[in-house]
């Protein structure tokens, strides 16, 4: 079972959503939280960057918490460090 933690509210879903559901959930949560001024910049700067590709990530993550989606293998990775490409940890 995969526990997907909501990065905005901290809520944990105890279901195993498919990859598309996970991406849609993160995007909708980010869209639904409208703020202004400095707070908006802080949220954007501290939000994970979500990228995708057709294989496992080979680049070094820019910050802890960034996400990478392998669209061929339907795998999701999260950055647990920023030293090398081995800092991507597979979630599913």
PDB file of N, CA and C in Angstrom:
ATOM      1  N   UNK A   1       0.849  -1.180   0.000  1.00  0.00           N
ATOM      2  CA  UNK A   1       0.000   0.000   0.000  1.00  0.00           C
ATOM      3  C   UNK A   1       0.887   1.234   0.000  1.00  0.00           C
ATOM      4  N   UNK A   2       0.549   2.204  -0.815  1.00  0.00           N
ATOM      5  CA  UNK A   2       1.283   3.454  -0.886  1.00  0.00           C
ATOM      6  C   UNK A   2       0.495   4.505  -0.128  1.00  0.00           C
ATOM      7  N   UNK A   3       1.146   5.203   0.762  1.00  0.00           N
ATOM      8  CA  UNK A   3       0.522   6.315   1.463  1.00  0.00           C
ATOM      9  C   UNK A   3       0.977   7.581   0.780  1.00  0.00           C
ATOM     10  N   UNK A   4       0.053   8.361   0.267  1.00  0.00           N
ATOM     11  CA  UNK A   4       0.380   9.585  -0.451  1.00  0.00           C
ATOM     12  C   UNK A   4       0.080  10.761   0.447  1.00  0.00           C
ATOM     13  N   UNK A   5       1.116  11.456   0.877  1.00  0.00           N
ATOM     14  CA  UNK A   5       0.941  12.580   1.792  1.00  0.00           C
ATOM     15  C   UNK A   5       0.702  13.852   1.005  1.00  0.00           C
ATOM     16  N   UNK A   6      -0.378  14.531   1.344  1.00  0.00           N
ATOM     17  CA  UNK A   6      -0.730  15.791   0.729  1.00  0.00           C
ATOM     18  C   UNK A   6       0.292  16.835   1.194  1.00  0.00           C
ATOM     19  N   UNK A   7       1.037  17.435   0.246  1.00  0.00           N
ATOM     20  CA  UNK A   7       2.108  18.363   0.608  1.00  0.00           C
ATOM     21  C   UNK A   7       1.589  19.691   1.134  1.00  0.00           C
ATOM     22  N   UNK A   8       0.330  20.014   0.892  1.00  0.00           N
ATOM     23  CA  UNK A   8      -0.231  21.274   1.361  1.00  0.00           C
ATOM     24  C   UNK A   8      -0.838  21.114   2.762  1.00  0.00           C
ATOM     25  N   UNK A   9      -1.700  20.109   2.940  1.00  0.00           N
ATOM     26  CA  UNK A   9      -2.416  19.974   4.209  1.00  0.00           C
ATOM     27  C   UNK A   9      -1.795  18.978   5.157  1.00  0.00           C
ATOM     28  N   UNK A  10      -0.905  18.107   4.667  1.00  0.00           N
ATOM     29  CA  UNK A  10      -0.306  17.088   5.505  1.00  0.00           C
ATOM     30  C   UNK A  10      -1.173  15.861   5.679  1.00  0.00           C
ATOM     31  N   UNK A  11      -2.363  15.844   5.054  1.00  0.00           N
ATOM     32  CA  UNK A  11      -3.276  14.707   5.141  1.00  0.00           C
ATOM     33  C   UNK A  11      -2.696  13.508   4.402  1.00  0.00           C
ATOM     34  N   UNK A  12      -2.861  12.312   4.950  1.00  0.00           N
ATOM     35  CA  UNK A  12      -2.378  11.088   4.310  1.00  0.00           C
ATOM     36  C   UNK A  12      -3.576  10.277   3.836  1.00  0.00           C
ATOM     37  N   UNK A  13      -3.561   9.920   2.540  1.00  0.00           N
ATOM     38  CA  UNK A  13      -4.591   9.049   1.976  1.00  0.00           C
ATOM     39  C   UNK A  13      -4.101   7.618   2.083  1.00  0.00           C
ATOM     40  N   UNK A  14      -4.932   6.729   2.581  1.00  0.00           N
ATOM     41  CA  UNK A  14      -4.540   5.342   2.768  1.00  0.00           C
ATOM     42  C   UNK A  14      -5.013   4.440   1.633  1.00  0.00           C
ATOM     43  N   UNK A  15      -5.236   5.000   0.484  1.00  0.00           N
ATOM     44  CA  UNK A  15      -5.549   4.198  -0.685  1.00  0.00           C
ATOM     45  C   UNK A  15      -4.328   4.196  -1.596  1.00  0.00           C
ATOM     46  N   UNK A  16      -4.369   3.409  -2.615  1.00  0.00           N
ATOM     47  CA  UNK A  16      -3.273   3.355  -3.567  1.00  0.00           C
ATOM     48  C   UNK A  16      -3.775   3.934  -4.887  1.00  0.00           C
ATOM     49  N   UNK A  17      -3.684   5.242  -5.057  1.00  0.00           N
ATOM     50  CA  UNK A  17      -4.176   5.848  -6.290  1.00  0.00           C
ATOM     51  C   UNK A  17      -3.237   5.532  -7.452  1.00  0.00           C
ATOM     52  N   UNK A  18      -3.796   5.572  -8.658  1.00  0.00           N
ATOM     53  CA  UNK A  18      -2.909   5.380  -9.796  1.00  0.00           C
ATOM     54  C   UNK A  18      -2.100   6.655 -10.015  1.00  0.00           C
ATOM     55  N   UNK A  19      -1.141   6.586 -10.883  1.00  0.00           N
ATOM     56  CA  UNK A  19      -0.210   7.689 -11.090  1.00  0.00           C
ATOM     57  C   UNK A  19      -0.921   8.963 -11.534  1.00  0.00           C
ATOM     58  N   UNK A  20      -1.872   8.837 -12.438  1.00  0.00           N
ATOM     59  CA  UNK A  20      -2.602  10.011 -12.921  1.00  0.00           C
ATOM     60  C   UNK A  20      -3.376  10.666 -11.786  1.00  0.00           C
ATOM     61  N   UNK A  21      -3.992   9.863 -10.907  1.00  0.00           N
ATOM     62  CA  UNK A  21      -4.715  10.413  -9.757  1.00  0.00           C
ATOM     63  C   UNK A  21      -3.783  11.211  -8.855  1.00  0.00           C
ATOM     64  N   UNK A  22      -2.571  10.699  -8.647  1.00  0.00           N
ATOM     65  CA  UNK A  22      -1.607  11.388  -7.782  1.00  0.00           C
ATOM     66  C   UNK A  22      -1.233  12.746  -8.346  1.00  0.00           C
ATOM     67  N   UNK A  23      -0.919  12.784  -9.628  1.00  0.00           N
ATOM     68  CA  UNK A  23      -0.528  14.046 -10.261  1.00  0.00           C
ATOM     69  C   UNK A  23      -1.689  15.025 -10.234  1.00  0.00           C
ATOM     70  N   UNK A  24      -2.892  14.567 -10.588  1.00  0.00           N
ATOM     71  CA  UNK A  24      -4.060  15.444 -10.580  1.00  0.00           C
ATOM     72  C   UNK A  24      -4.334  15.993  -9.189  1.00  0.00           C
ATOM     73  N   UNK A  25      -4.156  15.170  -8.161  1.00  0.00           N
ATOM     74  CA  UNK A  25      -4.408  15.613  -6.793  1.00  0.00           C
ATOM     75  C   UNK A  25      -3.437  16.718  -6.392  1.00  0.00           C
ATOM     76  N   UNK A  26      -2.158  16.526  -6.672  1.00  0.00           N
ATOM     77  CA  UNK A  26      -1.158  17.542  -6.335  1.00  0.00           C
ATOM     78  C   UNK A  26      -1.458  18.843  -7.087  1.00  0.00           C
ATOM     79  N   UNK A  27      -1.748  18.737  -8.374  1.00  0.00           N
ATOM     80  CA  UNK A  27      -2.037  19.942  -9.160  1.00  0.00           C
ATOM     81  C   UNK A  27      -3.275  20.660  -8.653  1.00  0.00           C
ATOM     82  N   UNK A  28      -4.341  19.922  -8.326  1.00  0.00           N
ATOM     83  CA  UNK A  28      -5.561  20.574  -7.860  1.00  0.00           C
ATOM     84  C   UNK A  28      -5.365  21.232  -6.502  1.00  0.00           C
ATOM     85  N   UNK A  29      -4.571  20.610  -5.643  1.00  0.00           N
ATOM     86  CA  UNK A  29      -4.305  21.215  -4.336  1.00  0.00           C
ATOM     87  C   UNK A  29      -3.513  22.504  -4.475  1.00  0.00           C
ATOM     88  N   UNK A  30      -2.543  22.497  -5.352  1.00  0.00           N
ATOM     89  CA  UNK A  30      -1.753  23.711  -5.567  1.00  0.00           C
ATOM     90  C   UNK A  30      -2.619  24.810  -6.167  1.00  0.00           C
ATOM     91  N   UNK A  31      -3.527  24.448  -7.091  1.00  0.00           N
ATOM     92  CA  UNK A  31      -4.412  25.430  -7.706  1.00  0.00           C
ATOM     93  C   UNK A  31      -5.445  25.974  -6.732  1.00  0.00           C
ATOM     94  N   UNK A  32      -5.880  25.162  -5.767  1.00  0.00           N
ATOM     95  CA  UNK A  32      -6.964  25.569  -4.882  1.00  0.00           C
ATOM     96  C   UNK A  32      -6.515  26.498  -3.749  1.00  0.00           C
ATOM     97  N   UNK A  33      -5.218  26.611  -3.523  1.00  0.00           N
ATOM     98  CA  UNK A  33      -4.718  27.457  -2.445  1.00  0.00           C
ATOM     99  C   UNK A  33      -4.228  28.781  -3.025  1.00  0.00           C
ATOM    100  N   UNK A  34      -5.120  29.758  -3.034  1.00  0.00           N
ATOM    101  CA  UNK A  34      -4.800  31.064  -3.601  1.00  0.00           C
ATOM    102  C   UNK A  34      -4.351  31.995  -2.482  1.00  0.00           C
ATOM    103  N   UNK A  35      -3.177  32.542  -2.633  1.00  0.00           N
ATOM    104  CA  UNK A  35      -2.621  33.463  -1.646  1.00  0.00           C
ATOM    105  C   UNK A  35      -2.112  34.700  -2.380  1.00  0.00           C
ATOM    106  N   UNK A  36      -1.649  35.667  -1.640  1.00  0.00           N
ATOM    107  CA  UNK A  36      -1.137  36.857  -2.311  1.00  0.00           C
ATOM    108  C   UNK A  36       0.229  37.242  -1.774  1.00  0.00           C
ATOM    109  N   UNK A  37       0.913  38.085  -2.527  1.00  0.00           N
ATOM    110  CA  UNK A  37       2.183  38.669  -2.094  1.00  0.00           C
ATOM    111  C   UNK A  37       3.258  37.665  -1.745  1.00  0.00           C
ATOM    112  N   UNK A  38       3.962  37.954  -0.668  1.00  0.00           N
ATOM    113  CA  UNK A  38       5.112  37.163  -0.244  1.00  0.00           C
ATOM    114  C   UNK A  38       4.750  35.709   0.042  1.00  0.00           C
ATOM    115  N   UNK A  39       3.576  35.502   0.618  1.00  0.00           N
ATOM    116  CA  UNK A  39       3.163  34.139   0.955  1.00  0.00           C
ATOM    117  C   UNK A  39       3.082  33.267  -0.301  1.00  0.00           C
ATOM    118  N   UNK A  40       2.579  33.827  -1.402  1.00  0.00           N
ATOM    119  CA  UNK A  40       2.503  33.089  -2.661  1.00  0.00           C
ATOM    120  C   UNK A  40       3.894  32.709  -3.142  1.00  0.00           C
ATOM    121  N   UNK A  41       4.839  33.630  -3.086  1.00  0.00           N
ATOM    122  CA  UNK A  41       6.207  33.332  -3.518  1.00  0.00           C
ATOM    123  C   UNK A  41       6.818  32.232  -2.663  1.00  0.00           C
ATOM    124  N   UNK A  42       6.572  32.262  -1.345  1.00  0.00           N
ATOM    125  CA  UNK A  42       7.099  31.230  -0.461  1.00  0.00           C
ATOM    126  C   UNK A  42       6.504  29.867  -0.790  1.00  0.00           C
ATOM    127  N   UNK A  43       5.207  29.828  -1.073  1.00  0.00           N
ATOM    128  CA  UNK A  43       4.562  28.571  -1.413  1.00  0.00           C
ATOM    129  C   UNK A  43       5.141  28.022  -2.707  1.00  0.00           C
ATOM    130  N   UNK A  44       5.292  28.863  -3.700  1.00  0.00           N
ATOM    131  CA  UNK A  44       5.836  28.420  -4.989  1.00  0.00           C
ATOM    132  C   UNK A  44       7.270  27.951  -4.828  1.00  0.00           C
ATOM    133  N   UNK A  45       8.092  28.705  -4.116  1.00  0.00           N
ATOM    134  CA  UNK A  45       9.495  28.328  -3.938  1.00  0.00           C
ATOM    135  C   UNK A  45       9.639  27.036  -3.148  1.00  0.00           C
ATOM    136  N   UNK A  46       8.743  26.794  -2.211  1.00  0.00           N
ATOM    137  CA  UNK A  46       8.839  25.605  -1.360  1.00  0.00           C
ATOM    138  C   UNK A  46       8.049  24.414  -1.891  1.00  0.00           C
ATOM    139  N   UNK A  47       7.296  24.611  -2.963  1.00  0.00           N
ATOM    140  CA  UNK A  47       6.528  23.519  -3.551  1.00  0.00           C
ATOM    141  C   UNK A  47       7.455  22.600  -4.335  1.00  0.00           C
ATOM    142  N   UNK A  48       7.132  21.320  -4.368  1.00  0.00           N
ATOM    143  CA  UNK A  48       7.972  20.403  -5.141  1.00  0.00           C
ATOM    144  C   UNK A  48       7.845  20.666  -6.634  1.00  0.00           C
ATOM    145  N   UNK A  49       8.924  20.444  -7.338  1.00  0.00           N
ATOM    146  CA  UNK A  49       8.902  20.508  -8.789  1.00  0.00           C
ATOM    147  C   UNK A  49       8.569  19.110  -9.273  1.00  0.00           C
ATOM    148  N   UNK A  50       7.582  19.009 -10.154  1.00  0.00           N
ATOM    149  CA  UNK A  50       7.180  17.716 -10.689  1.00  0.00           C
ATOM    150  C   UNK A  50       7.610  17.649 -12.143  1.00  0.00           C
ATOM    151  N   UNK A  51       8.492  16.693 -12.449  1.00  0.00           N
ATOM    152  CA  UNK A  51       8.946  16.495 -13.820  1.00  0.00           C
ATOM    153  C   UNK A  51       8.643  15.064 -14.231  1.00  0.00           C
ATOM    154  N   UNK A  52       8.789  14.796 -15.523  1.00  0.00           N
ATOM    155  CA  UNK A  52       8.517  13.445 -16.011  1.00  0.00           C
ATOM    156  C   UNK A  52       9.464  13.087 -17.136  1.00  0.00           C
ATOM    157  N   UNK A  53       9.526  11.799 -17.414  1.00  0.00           N
ATOM    158  CA  UNK A  53      10.350  11.291 -18.493  1.00  0.00           C
ATOM    159  C   UNK A  53       9.950   9.866 -18.811  1.00  0.00           C
ATOM    160  N   UNK A  54      10.635   9.274 -19.771  1.00  0.00           N
ATOM    161  CA  UNK A  54      10.275   7.930 -20.232  1.00  0.00           C
ATOM    162  C   UNK A  54      11.118   6.838 -19.585  1.00  0.00           C
ATOM    163  N   UNK A  55      11.876   7.180 -18.565  1.00  0.00           N
ATOM    164  CA  UNK A  55      12.698   6.218 -17.823  1.00  0.00           C
ATOM    165  C   UNK A  55      12.938   6.783 -16.429  1.00  0.00           C
ATOM    166  N   UNK A  56      13.611   6.017 -15.587  1.00  0.00           N
ATOM    167  CA  UNK A  56      13.953   6.487 -14.243  1.00  0.00           C
ATOM    168  C   UNK A  56      14.804   7.756 -14.349  1.00  0.00           C
ATOM    169  N   UNK A  57      14.723   8.644 -13.360  1.00  0.00           N
ATOM    170  CA  UNK A  57      15.490   9.890 -13.430  1.00  0.00           C
ATOM    171  C   UNK A  57      16.999   9.647 -13.388  1.00  0.00           C
ATOM    172  N   UNK A  58      17.727  10.408 -14.178  1.00  0.00           N
ATOM    173  CA  UNK A  58      19.192  10.297 -14.218  1.00  0.00           C
ATOM    174  C   UNK A  58      19.866  11.596 -13.794  1.00  0.00           C
ATOM    175  N   UNK A  59      19.075  12.623 -13.538  1.00  0.00           N
ATOM    176  CA  UNK A  59      19.620  13.917 -13.115  1.00  0.00           C
ATOM    177  C   UNK A  59      19.639  14.005 -11.596  1.00  0.00           C
ATOM    178  N   UNK A  60      20.394  14.933 -11.082  1.00  0.00           N
ATOM    179  CA  UNK A  60      20.433  15.195  -9.643  1.00  0.00           C
ATOM    180  C   UNK A  60      19.240  16.078  -9.274  1.00  0.00           C
ATOM    181  N   UNK A  61      18.478  15.718  -8.244  1.00  0.00           N
ATOM    182  CA  UNK A  61      17.344  16.559  -7.845  1.00  0.00           C
ATOM    183  C   UNK A  61      17.807  17.946  -7.414  1.00  0.00           C
ATOM    184  N   UNK A  62      16.976  18.943  -7.692  1.00  0.00           N
ATOM    185  CA  UNK A  62      17.303  20.325  -7.311  1.00  0.00           C
ATOM    186  C   UNK A  62      17.011  20.589  -5.839  1.00  0.00           C
ATOM    187  N   UNK A  63      15.952  19.947  -5.303  1.00  0.00           N
ATOM    188  CA  UNK A  63      15.654  20.111  -3.876  1.00  0.00           C
ATOM    189  C   UNK A  63      14.911  18.892  -3.356  1.00  0.00           C
ATOM    190  N   UNK A  64      15.053  18.663  -2.071  1.00  0.00           N
ATOM    191  CA  UNK A  64      14.367  17.552  -1.409  1.00  0.00           C
ATOM    192  C   UNK A  64      12.863  17.781  -1.547  1.00  0.00           C
ATOM    193  N   UNK A  65      12.150  16.728  -1.914  1.00  0.00           N
ATOM    194  CA  UNK A  65      10.703  16.816  -2.080  1.00  0.00           C
ATOM    195  C   UNK A  65      10.261  16.910  -3.526  1.00  0.00           C
ATOM    196  N   UNK A  66      11.196  17.220  -4.437  1.00  0.00           N
ATOM    197  CA  UNK A  66      10.838  17.241  -5.852  1.00  0.00           C
ATOM    198  C   UNK A  66      10.358  15.854  -6.263  1.00  0.00           C
ATOM    199  N   UNK A  67       9.539  15.800  -7.303  1.00  0.00           N
ATOM    200  CA  UNK A  67       8.985  14.530  -7.752  1.00  0.00           C
ATOM    201  C   UNK A  67       9.308  14.299  -9.218  1.00  0.00           C
ATOM    202  N   UNK A  68       9.437  13.037  -9.585  1.00  0.00           N
ATOM    203  CA  UNK A  68       9.698  12.644 -10.966  1.00  0.00           C
ATOM    204  C   UNK A  68       8.784  11.479 -11.305  1.00  0.00           C
ATOM    205  N   UNK A  69       8.163  11.534 -12.484  1.00  0.00           N
ATOM    206  CA  UNK A  69       7.255  10.480 -12.922  1.00  0.00           C
ATOM    207  C   UNK A  69       7.819   9.823 -14.169  1.00  0.00           C
ATOM    208  N   UNK A  70       8.040   8.514 -14.089  1.00  0.00           N
ATOM    209  CA  UNK A  70       8.437   7.705 -15.238  1.00  0.00           C
ATOM    210  C   UNK A  70       7.136   7.301 -15.924  1.00  0.00           C
ATOM    211  N   UNK A  71       6.847   7.912 -17.088  1.00  0.00           N
ATOM    212  CA  UNK A  71       5.563   7.705 -17.750  1.00  0.00           C
ATOM    213  C   UNK A  71       5.459   6.360 -18.463  1.00  0.00           C
ATOM    214  N   UNK A  72       6.571   5.691 -18.697  1.00  0.00           N
ATOM    215  CA  UNK A  72       6.528   4.377 -19.345  1.00  0.00           C
ATOM    216  C   UNK A  72       6.302   3.279 -18.301  1.00  0.00           C
ATOM    217  N   UNK A  73       7.069   3.299 -17.238  1.00  0.00           N
ATOM    218  CA  UNK A  73       6.955   2.273 -16.200  1.00  0.00           C
ATOM    219  C   UNK A  73       5.902   2.616 -15.142  1.00  0.00           C
ATOM    220  N   UNK A  74       5.300   3.807 -15.256  1.00  0.00           N
ATOM    221  CA  UNK A  74       4.314   4.271 -14.270  1.00  0.00           C
ATOM    222  C   UNK A  74       4.870   4.221 -12.851  1.00  0.00           C
ATOM    223  N   UNK A  75       6.051   4.768 -12.683  1.00  0.00           N
ATOM    224  CA  UNK A  75       6.704   4.836 -11.381  1.00  0.00           C
ATOM    225  C   UNK A  75       6.839   6.296 -10.967  1.00  0.00           C
ATOM    226  N   UNK A  76       6.753   6.529  -9.671  1.00  0.00           N
ATOM    227  CA  UNK A  76       6.887   7.875  -9.135  1.00  0.00           C
ATOM    228  C   UNK A  76       8.056   7.890  -8.164  1.00  0.00           C
ATOM    229  N   UNK A  77       8.877   8.921  -8.256  1.00  0.00           N
ATOM    230  CA  UNK A  77      10.059   9.069  -7.422  1.00  0.00           C
ATOM    231  C   UNK A  77       9.969  10.387  -6.659  1.00  0.00           C
ATOM    232  N   UNK A  78      10.574  10.419  -5.474  1.00  0.00           N
ATOM    233  CA  UNK A  78      10.672  11.650  -4.705  1.00  0.00           C
ATOM    234  C   UNK A  78      12.143  11.864  -4.355  1.00  0.00           C
ATOM    235  N   UNK A  79      12.565  13.114  -4.375  1.00  0.00           N
ATOM    236  CA  UNK A  79      13.952  13.443  -4.046  1.00  0.00           C
ATOM    237  C   UNK A  79      14.141  13.426  -2.539  1.00  0.00           C
ATOM    238  N   UNK A  80      15.127  12.629  -2.093  1.00  0.00           N
ATOM    239  CA  UNK A  80      15.439  12.552  -0.667  1.00  0.00           C
ATOM    240  C   UNK A  80      16.788  13.184  -0.356  1.00  0.00           C
ATOM    241  N   UNK A  81      17.411  13.759  -1.369  1.00  0.00           N
ATOM    242  CA  UNK A  81      18.694  14.438  -1.235  1.00  0.00           C
ATOM    243  C   UNK A  81      18.974  15.219  -2.499  1.00  0.00           C
ATOM    244  N   UNK A  82      20.117  15.905  -2.528  1.00  0.00           N
ATOM    245  CA  UNK A  82      20.456  16.727  -3.694  1.00  0.00           C
ATOM    246  C   UNK A  82      21.907  16.554  -4.105  1.00  0.00           C
ATOM    247  N   UNK A  83      22.476  15.380  -3.852  1.00  0.00           N
ATOM    248  CA  UNK A  83      23.889  15.140  -4.137  1.00  0.00           C
ATOM    249  C   UNK A  83      24.093  14.447  -5.479  1.00  0.00           C
ATOM    250  N   UNK A  84      23.246  13.462  -5.789  1.00  0.00           N
ATOM    251  CA  UNK A  84      23.415  12.711  -7.038  1.00  0.00           C
ATOM    252  C   UNK A  84      22.082  12.160  -7.504  1.00  0.00           C
ATOM    253  N   UNK A  85      22.085  11.542  -8.674  1.00  0.00           N
ATOM    254  CA  UNK A  85      20.845  10.967  -9.202  1.00  0.00           C
ATOM    255  C   UNK A  85      20.346   9.807  -8.345  1.00  0.00           C
ATOM    256  N   UNK A  86      21.192   9.255  -7.510  1.00  0.00           N
ATOM    257  CA  UNK A  86      20.745   8.173  -6.612  1.00  0.00           C
ATOM    258  C   UNK A  86      19.889   8.694  -5.456  1.00  0.00           C
ATOM    259  N   UNK A  87      19.722  10.024  -5.370  1.00  0.00           N
ATOM    260  CA  UNK A  87      18.879  10.608  -4.333  1.00  0.00           C
ATOM    261  C   UNK A  87      17.397  10.573  -4.689  1.00  0.00           C
ATOM    262  N   UNK A  88      17.044   9.988  -5.835  1.00  0.00           N
ATOM    263  CA  UNK A  88      15.639   9.761  -6.177  1.00  0.00           C
ATOM    264  C   UNK A  88      15.209   8.444  -5.542  1.00  0.00           C
ATOM    265  N   UNK A  89      14.149   8.480  -4.723  1.00  0.00           N
ATOM    266  CA  UNK A  89      13.633   7.285  -4.064  1.00  0.00           C
ATOM    267  C   UNK A  89      12.281   6.934  -4.686  1.00  0.00           C
ATOM    268  N   UNK A  90      12.160   5.682  -5.102  1.00  0.00           N
ATOM    269  CA  UNK A  90      10.922   5.243  -5.757  1.00  0.00           C
ATOM    270  C   UNK A  90       9.805   5.108  -4.724  1.00  0.00           C
ATOM    271  N   UNK A  91       8.602   5.569  -5.091  1.00  0.00           N
ATOM    272  CA  UNK A  91       7.460   5.517  -4.174  1.00  0.00           C
ATOM    273  C   UNK A  91       6.566   4.313  -4.428  1.00  0.00           C
ATOM    274  N   UNK A  92       6.560   3.800  -5.642  1.00  0.00           N
ATOM    275  CA  UNK A  92       5.646   2.673  -5.934  1.00  0.00           C
ATOM    276  C   UNK A  92       6.322   1.614  -6.741  1.00  0.00           C
TER     277      UNK A  92
END
